[in-house]
């Protein structure tokens, strides 16, 4: 719905010269801020997931190494 309003406002401003350019500018600014926040949250979630996977793999390797050493000692 918002995209339709942005396009309609753009058409009014550029074609008929009846729109408010400040309103259009703030719409675009708000839209870009929204998408920037969404992308930031997505990238942070991906980085946290990758870190958790690396830590899990490291702990599993340490546990396997410790199990291997304990079976050799027996």
C-alpha atoms as a PDB file:
ATOM      1  CA  UNK A   1       0.000   0.000   0.000  1.00  0.00           C
ATOM      2  CA  UNK A   2       2.817   2.388   0.862  1.00  0.00           C
ATOM      3  CA  UNK A   3       4.529   1.764  -2.470  1.00  0.00           C
ATOM      4  CA  UNK A   4       1.328   2.692  -4.297  1.00  0.00           C
ATOM      5  CA  UNK A   5       1.112   5.945  -2.360  1.00  0.00           C
ATOM      6  CA  UNK A   6       4.747   6.747  -3.090  1.00  0.00           C
ATOM      7  CA  UNK A   7       4.220   6.144  -6.801  1.00  0.00           C
ATOM      8  CA  UNK A   8       1.023   8.200  -6.823  1.00  0.00           C
ATOM      9  CA  UNK A   9       2.723  11.071  -5.017  1.00  0.00           C
ATOM     10  CA  UNK A  10       5.676  10.876  -7.412  1.00  0.00           C
ATOM     11  CA  UNK A  11       3.311  11.024 -10.387  1.00  0.00           C
ATOM     12  CA  UNK A  12       1.493  14.027  -8.902  1.00  0.00           C
ATOM     13  CA  UNK A  13       4.733  15.832  -8.218  1.00  0.00           C
ATOM     14  CA  UNK A  14       6.537  15.122 -11.489  1.00  0.00           C
ATOM     15  CA  UNK A  15       3.647  15.089 -13.998  1.00  0.00           C
ATOM     16  CA  UNK A  16       1.094  17.558 -12.717  1.00  0.00           C
ATOM     17  CA  UNK A  17       3.324  19.677 -10.469  1.00  0.00           C
ATOM     18  CA  UNK A  18       0.693  19.434  -7.750  1.00  0.00           C
ATOM     19  CA  UNK A  19       2.562  17.312  -5.180  1.00  0.00           C
ATOM     20  CA  UNK A  20       4.656  18.423  -2.247  1.00  0.00           C
ATOM     21  CA  UNK A  21       8.380  17.727  -2.853  1.00  0.00           C
ATOM     22  CA  UNK A  22       9.167  17.798   0.871  1.00  0.00           C
ATOM     23  CA  UNK A  23       6.581  15.115   1.515  1.00  0.00           C
ATOM     24  CA  UNK A  24       8.068  12.995  -1.275  1.00  0.00           C
ATOM     25  CA  UNK A  25      11.589  13.477   0.067  1.00  0.00           C
ATOM     26  CA  UNK A  26      10.568  12.450   3.586  1.00  0.00           C
ATOM     27  CA  UNK A  27       8.690   9.434   2.227  1.00  0.00           C
ATOM     28  CA  UNK A  28      11.806   8.261   0.435  1.00  0.00           C
ATOM     29  CA  UNK A  29      13.936   8.992   3.482  1.00  0.00           C
ATOM     30  CA  UNK A  30      11.625   7.021   5.781  1.00  0.00           C
ATOM     31  CA  UNK A  31      11.483   4.158   3.281  1.00  0.00           C
ATOM     32  CA  UNK A  32      15.284   3.970   3.070  1.00  0.00           C
ATOM     33  CA  UNK A  33      15.679   4.157   6.862  1.00  0.00           C
ATOM     34  CA  UNK A  34      13.165   1.323   7.229  1.00  0.00           C
ATOM     35  CA  UNK A  35      15.026  -0.897   4.759  1.00  0.00           C
ATOM     36  CA  UNK A  36      18.381   0.005   6.317  1.00  0.00           C
ATOM     37  CA  UNK A  37      17.128  -1.105   9.723  1.00  0.00           C
ATOM     38  CA  UNK A  38      15.725  -4.333   8.281  1.00  0.00           C
ATOM     39  CA  UNK A  39      19.028  -5.099   6.544  1.00  0.00           C
ATOM     40  CA  UNK A  40      21.005  -4.273   9.678  1.00  0.00           C
ATOM     41  CA  UNK A  41      18.882  -6.664  11.756  1.00  0.00           C
ATOM     42  CA  UNK A  42      19.247  -9.366   9.109  1.00  0.00           C
ATOM     43  CA  UNK A  43      23.029  -9.003   8.920  1.00  0.00           C
ATOM     44  CA  UNK A  44      23.368  -9.009  12.710  1.00  0.00           C
ATOM     45  CA  UNK A  45      21.289 -12.205  12.927  1.00  0.00           C
ATOM     46  CA  UNK A  46      23.443 -13.860  10.256  1.00  0.00           C
ATOM     47  CA  UNK A  47      26.644 -12.896  12.061  1.00  0.00           C
ATOM     48  CA  UNK A  48      25.317 -14.165  15.417  1.00  0.00           C
ATOM     49  CA  UNK A  49      24.261 -17.447  13.797  1.00  0.00           C
ATOM     50  CA  UNK A  50      27.663 -17.913  12.144  1.00  0.00           C
ATOM     51  CA  UNK A  51      29.420 -17.191  15.427  1.00  0.00           C
ATOM     52  CA  UNK A  52      27.224 -19.708  17.258  1.00  0.00           C
ATOM     53  CA  UNK A  53      27.953 -22.343  14.593  1.00  0.00           C
ATOM     54  CA  UNK A  54      31.707 -21.714  14.803  1.00  0.00           C
ATOM     55  CA  UNK A  55      31.645 -21.949  18.595  1.00  0.00           C
ATOM     56  CA  UNK A  56      29.610 -25.169  18.471  1.00  0.00           C
ATOM     57  CA  UNK A  57      32.021 -26.732  15.971  1.00  0.00           C
ATOM     58  CA  UNK A  58      34.975 -25.701  18.118  1.00  0.00           C
ATOM     59  CA  UNK A  59      33.409 -27.184  21.264  1.00  0.00           C
ATOM     60  CA  UNK A  60      32.532 -30.400  19.419  1.00  0.00           C
ATOM     61  CA  UNK A  61      36.117 -30.673  18.158  1.00  0.00           C
ATOM     62  CA  UNK A  62      37.459 -30.109  21.663  1.00  0.00           C
ATOM     63  CA  UNK A  63      35.063 -32.718  23.077  1.00  0.00           C
ATOM     64  CA  UNK A  64      36.050 -35.228  20.383  1.00  0.00           C
ATOM     65  CA  UNK A  65      39.721 -34.536  21.059  1.00  0.00           C
ATOM     66  CA  UNK A  66      39.180 -34.984  24.801  1.00  0.00           C
ATOM     67  CA  UNK A  67      37.293 -38.252  24.193  1.00  0.00           C
ATOM     68  CA  UNK A  68      40.085 -39.452  21.940  1.00  0.00           C
ATOM     69  CA  UNK A  69      42.718 -38.688  24.554  1.00  0.00           C
ATOM     70  CA  UNK A  70      40.747 -40.377  27.339  1.00  0.00           C
ATOM     71  CA  UNK A  71      40.329 -43.590  25.294  1.00  0.00           C
ATOM     72  CA  UNK A  72      44.074 -43.665  24.500  1.00  0.00           C
ATOM     73  CA  UNK A  73      44.943 -43.380  28.198  1.00  0.00           C
ATOM     74  CA  UNK A  74      42.753 -46.355  29.089  1.00  0.00           C
END
